[in-house]
PDB file of N, CA and C in Angstrom:
ATOM      1  N   UNK A   1      -4.687  22.548  29.804  1.00  0.00           N
ATOM      2  CA  UNK A   1      -5.476  21.508  29.071  1.00  0.00           C
ATOM      3  C   UNK A   1      -6.244  22.340  27.858  1.00  0.00           C
ATOM      4  N   UNK A   2      -6.396  21.727  26.702  1.00  0.00           N
ATOM      5  CA  UNK A   2      -7.256  22.370  25.588  1.00  0.00           C
ATOM      6  C   UNK A   2      -8.777  22.085  26.090  1.00  0.00           C
ATOM      7  N   UNK A   3      -9.695  22.903  25.689  1.00  0.00           N
ATOM      8  CA  UNK A   3     -10.995  22.845  25.972  1.00  0.00           C
ATOM      9  C   UNK A   3     -11.786  22.656  24.644  1.00  0.00           C
ATOM     10  N   UNK A   4     -12.846  21.614  24.768  1.00  0.00           N
ATOM     11  CA  UNK A   4     -13.575  21.726  23.399  1.00  0.00           C
ATOM     12  C   UNK A   4     -13.318  20.369  22.674  1.00  0.00           C
ATOM     13  N   UNK A   5     -13.937  19.833  21.830  1.00  0.00           N
ATOM     14  CA  UNK A   5     -13.505  18.685  20.933  1.00  0.00           C
ATOM     15  C   UNK A   5     -12.454  18.992  19.835  1.00  0.00           C
ATOM     16  N   UNK A   6     -11.525  17.844  19.789  1.00  0.00           N
ATOM     17  CA  UNK A   6     -10.202  17.913  19.072  1.00  0.00           C
ATOM     18  C   UNK A   6     -10.728  18.227  17.703  1.00  0.00           C
ATOM     19  N   UNK A   7     -11.684  17.301  16.966  1.00  0.00           N
ATOM     20  CA  UNK A   7     -12.284  17.478  15.693  1.00  0.00           C
ATOM     21  C   UNK A   7     -12.725  18.713  15.308  1.00  0.00           C
ATOM     22  N   UNK A   8     -12.943  19.580  16.046  1.00  0.00           N
ATOM     23  CA  UNK A   8     -13.778  21.005  15.509  1.00  0.00           C
ATOM     24  C   UNK A   8     -12.394  21.914  15.542  1.00  0.00           C
ATOM     25  N   UNK A   9     -11.281  21.526  16.049  1.00  0.00           N
ATOM     26  CA  UNK A   9     -10.244  22.530  16.226  1.00  0.00           C
ATOM     27  C   UNK A   9      -9.707  22.830  14.742  1.00  0.00           C
ATOM     28  N   UNK A  10      -8.826  23.954  14.667  1.00  0.00           N
ATOM     29  CA  UNK A  10      -8.169  24.228  13.471  1.00  0.00           C
ATOM     30  C   UNK A  10      -6.956  23.467  13.470  1.00  0.00           C
ATOM     31  N   UNK A  11      -6.381  23.514  12.361  1.00  0.00           N
ATOM     32  CA  UNK A  11      -5.066  23.004  12.261  1.00  0.00           C
ATOM     33  C   UNK A  11      -4.111  23.321  13.393  1.00  0.00           C
ATOM     34  N   UNK A  12      -3.740  24.822  13.750  1.00  0.00           N
ATOM     35  CA  UNK A  12      -2.942  25.180  14.306  1.00  0.00           C
ATOM     36  C   UNK A  12      -3.302  24.908  15.885  1.00  0.00           C
ATOM     37  N   UNK A  13      -4.837  24.736  16.290  1.00  0.00           N
ATOM     38  CA  UNK A  13      -5.221  24.391  17.448  1.00  0.00           C
ATOM     39  C   UNK A  13      -5.015  22.985  17.754  1.00  0.00           C
ATOM     40  N   UNK A  14      -5.292  22.057  16.984  1.00  0.00           N
ATOM     41  CA  UNK A  14      -4.754  20.800  16.902  1.00  0.00           C
ATOM     42  C   UNK A  14      -3.191  20.343  17.107  1.00  0.00           C
ATOM     43  N   UNK A  15      -2.411  21.066  16.647  1.00  0.00           N
ATOM     44  CA  UNK A  15      -1.096  21.033  16.850  1.00  0.00           C
ATOM     45  C   UNK A  15      -0.344  21.602  18.190  1.00  0.00           C
ATOM     46  N   UNK A  16      -1.190  22.587  18.536  1.00  0.00           N
ATOM     47  CA  UNK A  16      -0.791  23.295  20.118  1.00  0.00           C
ATOM     48  C   UNK A  16      -1.311  22.297  21.063  1.00  0.00           C
ATOM     49  N   UNK A  17      -2.647  21.770  20.727  1.00  0.00           N
ATOM     50  CA  UNK A  17      -2.993  20.660  21.650  1.00  0.00           C
ATOM     51  C   UNK A  17      -2.271  19.314  21.828  1.00  0.00           C
ATOM     52  N   UNK A  18      -1.754  18.771  20.741  1.00  0.00           N
ATOM     53  CA  UNK A  18      -1.055  17.531  20.665  1.00  0.00           C
ATOM     54  C   UNK A  18       0.421  17.939  21.263  1.00  0.00           C
ATOM     55  N   UNK A  19       0.918  19.031  21.068  1.00  0.00           N
ATOM     56  CA  UNK A  19       2.399  19.548  21.741  1.00  0.00           C
ATOM     57  C   UNK A  19       2.286  19.442  22.993  1.00  0.00           C
ATOM     58  N   UNK A  20       1.251  20.273  23.624  1.00  0.00           N
ATOM     59  CA  UNK A  20       0.936  20.370  25.069  1.00  0.00           C
ATOM     60  C   UNK A  20       0.700  18.917  25.463  1.00  0.00           C
ATOM     61  N   UNK A  21       0.125  18.027  25.109  1.00  0.00           N
ATOM     62  CA  UNK A  21      -0.125  16.789  25.440  1.00  0.00           C
ATOM     63  C   UNK A  21       0.953  15.940  25.292  1.00  0.00           C
ATOM     64  N   UNK A  22       1.688  16.127  24.437  1.00  0.00           N
ATOM     65  CA  UNK A  22       3.331  15.641  24.299  1.00  0.00           C
ATOM     66  C   UNK A  22       4.053  15.742  25.398  1.00  0.00           C
ATOM     67  N   UNK A  23       4.023  16.702  25.919  1.00  0.00           N
ATOM     68  CA  UNK A  23       4.866  17.304  27.111  1.00  0.00           C
ATOM     69  C   UNK A  23       4.248  16.935  28.447  1.00  0.00           C
ATOM     70  N   UNK A  24       3.041  16.104  28.459  1.00  0.00           N
ATOM     71  CA  UNK A  24       2.708  15.889  29.727  1.00  0.00           C
ATOM     72  C   UNK A  24       3.500  14.523  30.112  1.00  0.00           C
ATOM     73  N   UNK A  25       3.144  14.090  31.507  1.00  0.00           N
ATOM     74  CA  UNK A  25       4.048  12.858  31.768  1.00  0.00           C
ATOM     75  C   UNK A  25       3.612  11.545  31.158  1.00  0.00           C
ATOM     76  N   UNK A  26       2.365  11.596  30.613  1.00  0.00           N
ATOM     77  CA  UNK A  26       2.228  10.206  29.802  1.00  0.00           C
ATOM     78  C   UNK A  26       1.560  10.528  28.555  1.00  0.00           C
ATOM     79  N   UNK A  27       1.930  11.604  27.966  1.00  0.00           N
ATOM     80  CA  UNK A  27       1.497  12.060  26.823  1.00  0.00           C
ATOM     81  C   UNK A  27       2.493  11.683  25.610  1.00  0.00           C
ATOM     82  N   UNK A  28       3.867  11.682  26.085  1.00  0.00           N
ATOM     83  CA  UNK A  28       4.884  11.376  25.209  1.00  0.00           C
ATOM     84  C   UNK A  28       4.739   9.871  24.737  1.00  0.00           C
ATOM     85  N   UNK A  29       4.775   9.027  25.676  1.00  0.00           N
ATOM     86  CA  UNK A  29       4.565   7.541  25.800  1.00  0.00           C
ATOM     87  C   UNK A  29       3.290   7.043  24.832  1.00  0.00           C
ATOM     88  N   UNK A  30       2.305   7.900  25.137  1.00  0.00           N
ATOM     89  CA  UNK A  30       0.989   7.682  24.488  1.00  0.00           C
ATOM     90  C   UNK A  30       1.218   7.843  22.906  1.00  0.00           C
ATOM     91  N   UNK A  31       1.532   9.026  22.607  1.00  0.00           N
ATOM     92  CA  UNK A  31       1.716   9.436  21.344  1.00  0.00           C
ATOM     93  C   UNK A  31       2.688   8.507  20.668  1.00  0.00           C
ATOM     94  N   UNK A  32       3.859   8.170  21.295  1.00  0.00           N
ATOM     95  CA  UNK A  32       4.846   7.377  20.307  1.00  0.00           C
ATOM     96  C   UNK A  32       4.076   6.113  20.201  1.00  0.00           C
ATOM     97  N   UNK A  33       3.229   5.359  21.251  1.00  0.00           N
ATOM     98  CA  UNK A  33       2.495   4.323  20.766  1.00  0.00           C
ATOM     99  C   UNK A  33       1.590   4.343  19.744  1.00  0.00           C
ATOM    100  N   UNK A  34       0.689   5.324  19.666  1.00  0.00           N
ATOM    101  CA  UNK A  34      -0.079   5.691  18.815  1.00  0.00           C
ATOM    102  C   UNK A  34       0.422   5.723  17.330  1.00  0.00           C
ATOM    103  N   UNK A  35       1.681   6.327  17.185  1.00  0.00           N
ATOM    104  CA  UNK A  35       2.424   6.525  15.928  1.00  0.00           C
ATOM    105  C   UNK A  35       2.859   5.077  15.400  1.00  0.00           C
ATOM    106  N   UNK A  36       3.510   4.251  16.421  1.00  0.00           N
ATOM    107  CA  UNK A  36       3.911   2.723  16.171  1.00  0.00           C
ATOM    108  C   UNK A  36       2.605   2.197  15.567  1.00  0.00           C
ATOM    109  N   UNK A  37       1.604   2.074  16.133  1.00  0.00           N
ATOM    110  CA  UNK A  37       0.354   1.159  15.746  1.00  0.00           C
ATOM    111  C   UNK A  37      -0.009   1.716  14.425  1.00  0.00           C
ATOM    112  N   UNK A  38      -0.018   2.887  14.304  1.00  0.00           N
ATOM    113  CA  UNK A  38      -0.510   3.561  12.908  1.00  0.00           C
ATOM    114  C   UNK A  38       0.364   3.205  12.008  1.00  0.00           C
ATOM    115  N   UNK A  39       1.744   3.361  12.079  1.00  0.00           N
ATOM    116  CA  UNK A  39       2.766   2.896  11.053  1.00  0.00           C
ATOM    117  C   UNK A  39       2.588   1.266  10.930  1.00  0.00           C
ATOM    118  N   UNK A  40       2.457   0.451  11.691  1.00  0.00           N
ATOM    119  CA  UNK A  40       2.168  -0.938  11.649  1.00  0.00           C
ATOM    120  C   UNK A  40       1.066  -1.142  10.676  1.00  0.00           C
ATOM    121  N   UNK A  41      -0.217  -0.365  11.044  1.00  0.00           N
ATOM    122  CA  UNK A  41      -1.283  -0.588  10.138  1.00  0.00           C
ATOM    123  C   UNK A  41      -1.238  -0.109   8.996  1.00  0.00           C
ATOM    124  N   UNK A  42      -0.386   0.806   8.572  1.00  0.00           N
ATOM    125  CA  UNK A  42      -0.334   1.185   7.314  1.00  0.00           C
ATOM    126  C   UNK A  42       0.436   0.476   6.581  1.00  0.00           C
ATOM    127  N   UNK A  43       1.687  -0.344   6.976  1.00  0.00           N
ATOM    128  CA  UNK A  43       2.556  -0.818   6.441  1.00  0.00           C
ATOM    129  C   UNK A  43       2.510  -2.396   6.208  1.00  0.00           C
ATOM    130  N   UNK A  44       1.898  -2.868   6.957  1.00  0.00           N
ATOM    131  CA  UNK A  44       1.614  -4.319   7.304  1.00  0.00           C
ATOM    132  C   UNK A  44       1.012  -5.056   6.123  1.00  0.00           C
ATOM    133  N   UNK A  45       1.120  -6.356   6.073  1.00  0.00           N
ATOM    134  CA  UNK A  45       0.502  -7.035   4.751  1.00  0.00           C
ATOM    135  C   UNK A  45      -1.151  -7.036   5.150  1.00  0.00           C
ATOM    136  N   UNK A  46      -1.961  -6.978   4.155  1.00  0.00           N
ATOM    137  CA  UNK A  46      -3.374  -6.904   4.407  1.00  0.00           C
ATOM    138  C   UNK A  46      -3.856  -8.140   4.953  1.00  0.00           C
ATOM    139  N   UNK A  47      -3.264  -9.385   4.846  1.00  0.00           N
ATOM    140  CA  UNK A  47      -3.596 -10.696   5.112  1.00  0.00           C
ATOM    141  C   UNK A  47      -3.649 -10.640   6.761  1.00  0.00           C
ATOM    142  N   UNK A  48      -3.033  -9.566   7.521  1.00  0.00           N
ATOM    143  CA  UNK A  48      -3.071  -9.369   9.065  1.00  0.00           C
ATOM    144  C   UNK A  48      -4.156  -8.693   9.321  1.00  0.00           C
ATOM    145  N   UNK A  49      -5.058  -8.356   8.729  1.00  0.00           N
ATOM    146  CA  UNK A  49      -6.344  -7.577   9.129  1.00  0.00           C
ATOM    147  C   UNK A  49      -6.372  -6.067   8.820  1.00  0.00           C
ATOM    148  N   UNK A  50      -5.298  -5.392   8.521  1.00  0.00           N
ATOM    149  CA  UNK A  50      -5.121  -3.808   8.594  1.00  0.00           C
ATOM    150  C   UNK A  50      -4.677  -3.701   6.997  1.00  0.00           C
ATOM    151  N   UNK A  51      -4.335  -2.368   6.806  1.00  0.00           N
ATOM    152  CA  UNK A  51      -3.834  -2.049   5.271  1.00  0.00           C
ATOM    153  C   UNK A  51      -4.812  -2.447   4.576  1.00  0.00           C
ATOM    154  N   UNK A  52      -6.076  -2.520   4.537  1.00  0.00           N
ATOM    155  CA  UNK A  52      -7.190  -2.838   3.845  1.00  0.00           C
ATOM    156  C   UNK A  52      -7.038  -2.293   2.390  1.00  0.00           C
ATOM    157  N   UNK A  53      -7.284  -3.402   1.298  1.00  0.00           N
ATOM    158  CA  UNK A  53      -7.235  -3.087   0.054  1.00  0.00           C
ATOM    159  C   UNK A  53      -5.859  -2.550  -0.343  1.00  0.00           C
ATOM    160  N   UNK A  54      -4.605  -2.658   0.613  1.00  0.00           N
ATOM    161  CA  UNK A  54      -3.253  -2.133   0.298  1.00  0.00           C
ATOM    162  C   UNK A  54      -3.367  -0.696   0.159  1.00  0.00           C
ATOM    163  N   UNK A  55      -4.543  -0.094   0.713  1.00  0.00           N
ATOM    164  CA  UNK A  55      -4.406   1.221   0.755  1.00  0.00           C
ATOM    165  C   UNK A  55      -3.278   2.285   1.259  1.00  0.00           C
ATOM    166  N   UNK A  56      -2.734   1.603   2.242  1.00  0.00           N
ATOM    167  CA  UNK A  56      -1.394   2.225   3.049  1.00  0.00           C
ATOM    168  C   UNK A  56      -0.449   2.175   1.932  1.00  0.00           C
ATOM    169  N   UNK A  57      -0.317   1.031   1.439  1.00  0.00           N
ATOM    170  CA  UNK A  57       0.927   0.954   0.390  1.00  0.00           C
ATOM    171  C   UNK A  57       0.554   1.765  -0.824  1.00  0.00           C
ATOM    172  N   UNK A  58      -0.600   1.814  -1.199  1.00  0.00           N
ATOM    173  CA  UNK A  58      -0.896   2.929  -2.304  1.00  0.00           C
ATOM    174  C   UNK A  58      -0.738   4.227  -2.136  1.00  0.00           C
ATOM    175  N   UNK A  59      -1.052   4.593  -0.832  1.00  0.00           N
ATOM    176  CA  UNK A  59      -0.832   6.234  -0.575  1.00  0.00           C
ATOM    177  C   UNK A  59       0.663   6.450  -0.674  1.00  0.00           C
ATOM    178  N   UNK A  60       1.559   5.580  -0.263  1.00  0.00           N
ATOM    179  CA  UNK A  60       2.985   5.588  -0.257  1.00  0.00           C
ATOM    180  C   UNK A  60       3.749   5.310  -1.612  1.00  0.00           C
ATOM    181  N   UNK A  61       2.790   4.906  -2.602  1.00  0.00           N
ATOM    182  CA  UNK A  61       3.299   4.385  -3.840  1.00  0.00           C
ATOM    183  C   UNK A  61       4.381   3.420  -3.832  1.00  0.00           C
ATOM    184  N   UNK A  62       3.916   2.363  -3.184  1.00  0.00           N
ATOM    185  CA  UNK A  62       4.629   1.065  -3.012  1.00  0.00           C
ATOM    186  C   UNK A  62       3.981   0.056  -2.713  1.00  0.00           C
ATOM    187  N   UNK A  63       4.564  -1.295  -2.594  1.00  0.00           N
ATOM    188  CA  UNK A  63       3.854  -2.485  -2.483  1.00  0.00           C
ATOM    189  C   UNK A  63       4.806  -3.185  -1.512  1.00  0.00           C
ATOM    190  N   UNK A  64       3.856  -4.370  -1.196  1.00  0.00           N
ATOM    191  CA  UNK A  64       4.481  -5.088   0.203  1.00  0.00           C
ATOM    192  C   UNK A  64       5.653  -5.982  -0.320  1.00  0.00           C
ATOM    193  N   UNK A  65       6.477  -6.338   0.569  1.00  0.00           N
ATOM    194  CA  UNK A  65       7.599  -7.216   0.249  1.00  0.00           C
ATOM    195  C   UNK A  65       7.170  -8.594  -0.426  1.00  0.00           C
ATOM    196  N   UNK A  66       8.012  -9.273  -1.019  1.00  0.00           N
ATOM    197  CA  UNK A  66       7.885 -10.574  -1.699  1.00  0.00           C
ATOM    198  C   UNK A  66       8.937 -11.446  -1.215  1.00  0.00           C
ATOM    199  N   UNK A  67       8.150 -12.934  -0.937  1.00  0.00           N
ATOM    200  CA  UNK A  67       7.298 -13.282  -1.166  1.00  0.00           C
ATOM    201  C   UNK A  67       6.173 -13.088   0.067  1.00  0.00           C
ATOM    202  N   UNK A  68       4.734 -12.803  -0.386  1.00  0.00           N
ATOM    203  CA  UNK A  68       3.790 -12.395   0.684  1.00  0.00           C
ATOM    204  C   UNK A  68       3.233 -13.605   1.528  1.00  0.00           C
ATOM    205  N   UNK A  69       3.000 -13.364   2.440  1.00  0.00           N
ATOM    206  CA  UNK A  69       2.448 -14.461   3.433  1.00  0.00           C
ATOM    207  C   UNK A  69       1.244 -15.146   2.500  1.00  0.00           C
ATOM    208  N   UNK A  70       1.114 -16.410   2.929  1.00  0.00           N
ATOM    209  CA  UNK A  70      -0.266 -17.099   2.476  1.00  0.00           C
ATOM    210  C   UNK A  70      -1.062 -17.303   3.534  1.00  0.00           C
ATOM    211  N   UNK A  71      -0.836 -17.414   4.559  1.00  0.00           N
ATOM    212  CA  UNK A  71      -1.711 -17.505   5.822  1.00  0.00           C
ATOM    213  C   UNK A  71      -1.432 -16.481   6.641  1.00  0.00           C
ATOM    214  N   UNK A  72      -2.372 -16.190   7.897  1.00  0.00           N
ATOM    215  CA  UNK A  72      -2.243 -14.989   8.667  1.00  0.00           C
ATOM    216  C   UNK A  72      -1.033 -15.318   9.766  1.00  0.00           C
ATOM    217  N   UNK A  73      -1.030 -16.450  10.121  1.00  0.00           N
ATOM    218  CA  UNK A  73       0.039 -16.678  11.153  1.00  0.00           C
ATOM    219  C   UNK A  73       0.724 -18.016  11.100  1.00  0.00           C
ATOM    220  N   UNK A  74       1.974 -18.403  11.499  1.00  0.00           N
ATOM    221  CA  UNK A  74       2.472 -19.464  11.494  1.00  0.00           C
ATOM    222  C   UNK A  74       2.352 -20.274  12.574  1.00  0.00           C
ATOM    223  N   UNK A  75       1.813 -21.509  12.113  1.00  0.00           N
ATOM    224  CA  UNK A  75       1.448 -22.732  13.002  1.00  0.00           C
ATOM    225  C   UNK A  75       2.479 -23.245  13.791  1.00  0.00           C
ATOM    226  N   UNK A  76       2.367 -23.353  15.122  1.00  0.00           N
ATOM    227  CA  UNK A  76       3.505 -23.724  15.748  1.00  0.00           C
ATOM    228  C   UNK A  76       3.600 -25.261  15.913  1.00  0.00           C
TER     229      UNK A  76
END
């Protein structure tokens, strides 16, 4: 295991720590889930509470699909 605080690591140290964690019995599943949630937050419509001010779309040089939702959830 890596010692110390992750945010103080150099880029190489961070990469090494994440690769080591990825190879653990639970690390691969956890990292996969974090990546999925991050992509959902980056790409989702802001009406759902993430991608605030469309910053994720702007970073990718794209915009959301049309037509955009008018409410957060469909009433059943």
